[in-house]
């Protein structure tokens, strides 16, 4: 790390003690910029940059010759962790809004009507195509679909695409474009 001369205070010939304040002053803005580029929230980026320096100050093994690399790596990891934390929070907030607000009778009726329509269309399709769509909607991968339905793994995509086209055509014929 290119620390200014005042950032290192010599204790003896084998060991150096780093001046946290001087390193903070020279590196803080750069570390905060790295974080803000990832999370796009300048206020939170500044908080995380301070946390990076706190971690660095508590980790004597990080004070070596590659301290700058350690700071950047830690900043990037903390920024990515913050993104994951935000994504989780958003996902849970969306779920909570669904849980908090009960569906209106109209929404319940509409959802039931849509389920009945989908069932009717699936019932009108060839069984293999309907099975393929149902299993895919339950999250089965192409390989799992191939082994379950005795299909060539290379043709699952084609079969799935055809089944989706048949479903859409049948749905539009019965219920119109929505």
C-alpha atoms as a PDB file:
ATOM      1  CA  UNK A   1       0.000   0.000   0.000  1.00  0.00           C
ATOM      2  CA  UNK A   2       1.284   3.442  -0.820  1.00  0.00           C
ATOM      3  CA  UNK A   3       0.787   4.963   2.581  1.00  0.00           C
ATOM      4  CA  UNK A   4       2.103   8.430   3.256  1.00  0.00           C
ATOM      5  CA  UNK A   5       5.156   8.560   5.500  1.00  0.00           C
ATOM      6  CA  UNK A   6       3.118   9.944   8.378  1.00  0.00           C
ATOM      7  CA  UNK A   7       0.749   6.949   8.195  1.00  0.00           C
ATOM      8  CA  UNK A   8       3.388   4.510   9.439  1.00  0.00           C
ATOM      9  CA  UNK A   9       4.992   4.946  12.821  1.00  0.00           C
ATOM     10  CA  UNK A  10       8.102   2.808  13.238  1.00  0.00           C
ATOM     11  CA  UNK A  11       8.081   0.703  16.381  1.00  0.00           C
ATOM     12  CA  UNK A  12      11.167  -1.353  15.610  1.00  0.00           C
ATOM     13  CA  UNK A  13      12.884  -2.698  12.508  1.00  0.00           C
ATOM     14  CA  UNK A  14      10.586  -5.777  12.171  1.00  0.00           C
ATOM     15  CA  UNK A  15       7.205  -4.253  12.933  1.00  0.00           C
ATOM     16  CA  UNK A  16       5.266  -1.158  11.856  1.00  0.00           C
ATOM     17  CA  UNK A  17       2.209   0.333  13.472  1.00  0.00           C
ATOM     18  CA  UNK A  18      -0.215   1.981  11.044  1.00  0.00           C
ATOM     19  CA  UNK A  19      -1.880   5.281  11.818  1.00  0.00           C
ATOM     20  CA  UNK A  20      -5.570   4.569  11.243  1.00  0.00           C
ATOM     21  CA  UNK A  21      -6.481   8.237  11.034  1.00  0.00           C
ATOM     22  CA  UNK A  22      -3.974   9.010   8.277  1.00  0.00           C
ATOM     23  CA  UNK A  23      -4.913   5.940   6.253  1.00  0.00           C
ATOM     24  CA  UNK A  24      -8.595   6.742   6.719  1.00  0.00           C
ATOM     25  CA  UNK A  25      -8.036  10.271   5.394  1.00  0.00           C
ATOM     26  CA  UNK A  26      -6.114   9.058   2.342  1.00  0.00           C
ATOM     27  CA  UNK A  27      -8.315   6.061   1.413  1.00  0.00           C
ATOM     28  CA  UNK A  28     -11.829   6.832   2.673  1.00  0.00           C
ATOM     29  CA  UNK A  29     -13.154   8.633  -0.406  1.00  0.00           C
ATOM     30  CA  UNK A  30     -11.884   5.951  -2.767  1.00  0.00           C
ATOM     31  CA  UNK A  31     -13.365   3.148  -0.673  1.00  0.00           C
ATOM     32  CA  UNK A  32     -16.709   4.987  -0.435  1.00  0.00           C
ATOM     33  CA  UNK A  33     -16.729   5.469  -4.240  1.00  0.00           C
ATOM     34  CA  UNK A  34     -16.169   1.750  -4.783  1.00  0.00           C
ATOM     35  CA  UNK A  35     -19.144   0.975  -2.583  1.00  0.00           C
ATOM     36  CA  UNK A  36     -21.448   3.652  -4.018  1.00  0.00           C
ATOM     37  CA  UNK A  37     -20.843   2.351  -7.548  1.00  0.00           C
ATOM     38  CA  UNK A  38     -22.305  -0.974  -6.459  1.00  0.00           C
ATOM     39  CA  UNK A  39     -25.169  -0.003  -4.157  1.00  0.00           C
ATOM     40  CA  UNK A  40     -26.113   3.409  -5.642  1.00  0.00           C
ATOM     41  CA  UNK A  41     -26.816   4.914  -2.212  1.00  0.00           C
ATOM     42  CA  UNK A  42     -24.190   7.491  -1.194  1.00  0.00           C
ATOM     43  CA  UNK A  43     -25.320   7.715   2.424  1.00  0.00           C
ATOM     44  CA  UNK A  44     -25.260   3.969   2.985  1.00  0.00           C
ATOM     45  CA  UNK A  45     -21.953   3.756   1.078  1.00  0.00           C
ATOM     46  CA  UNK A  46     -20.348   6.163   3.543  1.00  0.00           C
ATOM     47  CA  UNK A  47     -21.585   4.067   6.467  1.00  0.00           C
ATOM     48  CA  UNK A  48     -20.195   0.908   4.891  1.00  0.00           C
ATOM     49  CA  UNK A  49     -16.859   2.607   4.160  1.00  0.00           C
ATOM     50  CA  UNK A  50     -16.523   3.434   7.849  1.00  0.00           C
ATOM     51  CA  UNK A  51     -17.305  -0.207   8.666  1.00  0.00           C
ATOM     52  CA  UNK A  52     -14.558  -1.300   6.258  1.00  0.00           C
ATOM     53  CA  UNK A  53     -12.024   0.790   8.167  1.00  0.00           C
ATOM     54  CA  UNK A  54     -13.289  -0.490  11.512  1.00  0.00           C
ATOM     55  CA  UNK A  55     -12.804  -4.065  10.299  1.00  0.00           C
ATOM     56  CA  UNK A  56      -9.364  -3.160   9.000  1.00  0.00           C
ATOM     57  CA  UNK A  57      -8.366  -1.572  12.320  1.00  0.00           C
ATOM     58  CA  UNK A  58      -9.400  -4.708  14.209  1.00  0.00           C
ATOM     59  CA  UNK A  59      -7.537  -7.075  11.898  1.00  0.00           C
ATOM     60  CA  UNK A  60      -3.759  -6.727  12.452  1.00  0.00           C
ATOM     61  CA  UNK A  61      -2.969  -9.255   9.725  1.00  0.00           C
ATOM     62  CA  UNK A  62      -4.528  -6.860   7.171  1.00  0.00           C
ATOM     63  CA  UNK A  63      -2.035  -4.092   8.010  1.00  0.00           C
ATOM     64  CA  UNK A  64       0.695  -5.579   5.858  1.00  0.00           C
ATOM     65  CA  UNK A  65       2.025  -4.512   2.505  1.00  0.00           C
ATOM     66  CA  UNK A  66      -1.267  -5.280   0.740  1.00  0.00           C
ATOM     67  CA  UNK A  67      -3.516  -3.265   3.067  1.00  0.00           C
ATOM     68  CA  UNK A  68      -4.952  -1.238   0.194  1.00  0.00           C
ATOM     69  CA  UNK A  69      -5.971  -4.429  -1.598  1.00  0.00           C
ATOM     70  CA  UNK A  70      -7.533  -5.707   1.609  1.00  0.00           C
ATOM     71  CA  UNK A  71      -9.539  -2.496   1.963  1.00  0.00           C
ATOM     72  CA  UNK A  72     -10.831  -2.631  -1.624  1.00  0.00           C
ATOM     73  CA  UNK A  73     -11.658  -6.334  -1.439  1.00  0.00           C
ATOM     74  CA  UNK A  74     -13.510  -5.840   1.842  1.00  0.00           C
ATOM     75  CA  UNK A  75     -15.349  -2.823   0.432  1.00  0.00           C
ATOM     76  CA  UNK A  76     -16.482  -4.820  -2.597  1.00  0.00           C
ATOM     77  CA  UNK A  77     -17.626  -7.720  -0.425  1.00  0.00           C
ATOM     78  CA  UNK A  78     -19.522  -5.424   1.921  1.00  0.00           C
ATOM     79  CA  UNK A  79     -21.197  -3.703  -1.035  1.00  0.00           C
ATOM     80  CA  UNK A  80     -22.278  -7.043  -2.481  1.00  0.00           C
ATOM     81  CA  UNK A  81     -23.538  -8.137   0.935  1.00  0.00           C
ATOM     82  CA  UNK A  82     -25.552  -4.917   1.119  1.00  0.00           C
ATOM     83  CA  UNK A  83     -27.072  -5.630  -2.305  1.00  0.00           C
ATOM     84  CA  UNK A  84     -28.084  -9.098  -1.133  1.00  0.00           C
ATOM     85  CA  UNK A  85     -29.502  -7.646   2.072  1.00  0.00           C
ATOM     86  CA  UNK A  86     -31.538  -5.098   0.066  1.00  0.00           C
ATOM     87  CA  UNK A  87     -32.817  -7.805  -2.295  1.00  0.00           C
ATOM     88  CA  UNK A  88     -33.911  -9.954   0.653  1.00  0.00           C
ATOM     89  CA  UNK A  89     -35.577  -6.980   2.311  1.00  0.00           C
ATOM     90  CA  UNK A  90     -37.435  -6.105  -0.918  1.00  0.00           C
ATOM     91  CA  UNK A  91     -38.544  -9.705  -1.389  1.00  0.00           C
ATOM     92  CA  UNK A  92     -39.846  -9.930   2.177  1.00  0.00           C
ATOM     93  CA  UNK A  93     -41.531  -6.539   1.921  1.00  0.00           C
ATOM     94  CA  UNK A  94     -43.394  -7.671  -1.200  1.00  0.00           C
ATOM     95  CA  UNK A  95     -44.467 -10.858   0.563  1.00  0.00           C
ATOM     96  CA  UNK A  96     -45.625  -8.888   3.575  1.00  0.00           C
ATOM     97  CA  UNK A  97     -47.727  -6.590   1.429  1.00  0.00           C
ATOM     98  CA  UNK A  98     -49.456  -9.644   0.001  1.00  0.00           C
ATOM     99  CA  UNK A  99     -49.994 -11.077   3.455  1.00  0.00           C
ATOM    100  CA  UNK A 100     -51.108  -7.814   5.054  1.00  0.00           C
ATOM    101  CA  UNK A 101     -53.702  -6.864   2.491  1.00  0.00           C
ATOM    102  CA  UNK A 102     -56.462  -9.412   2.179  1.00  0.00           C
ATOM    103  CA  UNK A 103     -57.753  -9.994  -1.313  1.00  0.00           C
ATOM    104  CA  UNK A 104     -61.041  -8.424  -2.207  1.00  0.00           C
ATOM    105  CA  UNK A 105     -63.931 -10.680  -3.210  1.00  0.00           C
ATOM    106  CA  UNK A 106     -63.476  -9.525  -6.800  1.00  0.00           C
ATOM    107  CA  UNK A 107     -59.779 -10.502  -6.744  1.00  0.00           C
ATOM    108  CA  UNK A 108     -60.617 -13.893  -5.225  1.00  0.00           C
ATOM    109  CA  UNK A 109     -63.262 -14.506  -7.874  1.00  0.00           C
ATOM    110  CA  UNK A 110     -60.927 -13.403 -10.671  1.00  0.00           C
ATOM    111  CA  UNK A 111     -58.119 -15.695  -9.439  1.00  0.00           C
ATOM    112  CA  UNK A 112     -60.493 -18.666  -9.177  1.00  0.00           C
ATOM    113  CA  UNK A 113     -61.866 -17.937 -12.646  1.00  0.00           C
ATOM    114  CA  UNK A 114     -58.334 -17.789 -14.094  1.00  0.00           C
ATOM    115  CA  UNK A 115     -57.427 -21.118 -12.439  1.00  0.00           C
ATOM    116  CA  UNK A 116     -60.539 -22.700 -13.948  1.00  0.00           C
ATOM    117  CA  UNK A 117     -59.642 -21.341 -17.376  1.00  0.00           C
ATOM    118  CA  UNK A 118     -56.097 -22.693 -17.173  1.00  0.00           C
ATOM    119  CA  UNK A 119     -57.398 -26.100 -16.067  1.00  0.00           C
ATOM    120  CA  UNK A 120     -59.886 -26.178 -18.953  1.00  0.00           C
ATOM    121  CA  UNK A 121     -57.178 -25.313 -21.491  1.00  0.00           C
ATOM    122  CA  UNK A 122     -54.790 -27.908 -20.050  1.00  0.00           C
ATOM    123  CA  UNK A 123     -57.596 -30.479 -20.193  1.00  0.00           C
ATOM    124  CA  UNK A 124     -58.155 -29.741 -23.882  1.00  0.00           C
ATOM    125  CA  UNK A 125     -54.481 -30.191 -24.750  1.00  0.00           C
ATOM    126  CA  UNK A 126     -52.688 -33.438 -25.497  1.00  0.00           C
ATOM    127  CA  UNK A 127     -51.752 -35.052 -22.154  1.00  0.00           C
ATOM    128  CA  UNK A 128     -48.011 -35.062 -22.815  1.00  0.00           C
ATOM    129  CA  UNK A 129     -47.985 -31.329 -23.589  1.00  0.00           C
ATOM    130  CA  UNK A 130     -50.117 -30.542 -20.554  1.00  0.00           C
ATOM    131  CA  UNK A 131     -47.808 -32.638 -18.339  1.00  0.00           C
ATOM    132  CA  UNK A 132     -44.785 -30.842 -19.745  1.00  0.00           C
ATOM    133  CA  UNK A 133     -46.250 -27.410 -18.956  1.00  0.00           C
ATOM    134  CA  UNK A 134     -47.372 -28.460 -15.481  1.00  0.00           C
ATOM    135  CA  UNK A 135     -44.022 -29.971 -14.538  1.00  0.00           C
ATOM    136  CA  UNK A 136     -42.134 -26.968 -15.878  1.00  0.00           C
ATOM    137  CA  UNK A 137     -44.381 -24.614 -13.921  1.00  0.00           C
ATOM    138  CA  UNK A 138     -43.372 -26.527 -10.788  1.00  0.00           C
ATOM    139  CA  UNK A 139     -39.728 -25.688 -11.404  1.00  0.00           C
ATOM    140  CA  UNK A 140     -38.378 -28.856 -13.007  1.00  0.00           C
ATOM    141  CA  UNK A 141     -35.248 -28.319 -15.082  1.00  0.00           C
ATOM    142  CA  UNK A 142     -34.944 -29.450 -18.681  1.00  0.00           C
ATOM    143  CA  UNK A 143     -32.949 -32.517 -17.600  1.00  0.00           C
ATOM    144  CA  UNK A 144     -35.571 -33.427 -15.007  1.00  0.00           C
ATOM    145  CA  UNK A 145     -38.334 -32.981 -17.577  1.00  0.00           C
ATOM    146  CA  UNK A 146     -36.469 -35.189 -20.046  1.00  0.00           C
ATOM    147  CA  UNK A 147     -36.013 -38.013 -17.552  1.00  0.00           C
ATOM    148  CA  UNK A 148     -39.544 -37.750 -16.160  1.00  0.00           C
ATOM    149  CA  UNK A 149     -41.290 -37.742 -19.545  1.00  0.00           C
ATOM    150  CA  UNK A 150     -38.774 -39.965 -21.381  1.00  0.00           C
ATOM    151  CA  UNK A 151     -37.740 -37.205 -23.778  1.00  0.00           C
ATOM    152  CA  UNK A 152     -34.450 -36.508 -25.480  1.00  0.00           C
ATOM    153  CA  UNK A 153     -32.840 -33.763 -23.327  1.00  0.00           C
ATOM    154  CA  UNK A 154     -31.863 -31.831 -26.477  1.00  0.00           C
ATOM    155  CA  UNK A 155     -35.518 -31.599 -27.584  1.00  0.00           C
ATOM    156  CA  UNK A 156     -37.129 -30.508 -24.328  1.00  0.00           C
ATOM    157  CA  UNK A 157     -36.916 -26.838 -25.307  1.00  0.00           C
ATOM    158  CA  UNK A 158     -38.642 -27.489 -28.623  1.00  0.00           C
ATOM    159  CA  UNK A 159     -41.403 -29.563 -27.004  1.00  0.00           C
ATOM    160  CA  UNK A 160     -41.885 -26.938 -24.325  1.00  0.00           C
ATOM    161  CA  UNK A 161     -42.100 -24.138 -26.872  1.00  0.00           C
ATOM    162  CA  UNK A 162     -44.698 -26.055 -28.892  1.00  0.00           C
ATOM    163  CA  UNK A 163     -46.721 -26.825 -25.781  1.00  0.00           C
ATOM    164  CA  UNK A 164     -46.707 -23.133 -24.847  1.00  0.00           C
ATOM    165  CA  UNK A 165     -47.862 -22.184 -28.334  1.00  0.00           C
ATOM    166  CA  UNK A 166     -50.679 -24.738 -28.209  1.00  0.00           C
ATOM    167  CA  UNK A 167     -51.708 -23.492 -24.763  1.00  0.00           C
ATOM    168  CA  UNK A 168     -51.772 -19.862 -25.890  1.00  0.00           C
ATOM    169  CA  UNK A 169     -53.716 -20.676 -29.077  1.00  0.00           C
ATOM    170  CA  UNK A 170     -56.277 -22.745 -27.156  1.00  0.00           C
ATOM    171  CA  UNK A 171     -56.628 -20.067 -24.466  1.00  0.00           C
ATOM    172  CA  UNK A 172     -57.152 -17.279 -26.986  1.00  0.00           C
ATOM    173  CA  UNK A 173     -59.708 -19.371 -28.917  1.00  0.00           C
ATOM    174  CA  UNK A 174     -61.718 -20.086 -25.761  1.00  0.00           C
ATOM    175  CA  UNK A 175     -61.381 -16.836 -23.805  1.00  0.00           C
ATOM    176  CA  UNK A 176     -60.071 -14.203 -26.188  1.00  0.00           C
ATOM    177  CA  UNK A 177     -56.950 -12.025 -25.964  1.00  0.00           C
ATOM    178  CA  UNK A 178     -56.397 -10.561 -22.488  1.00  0.00           C
END
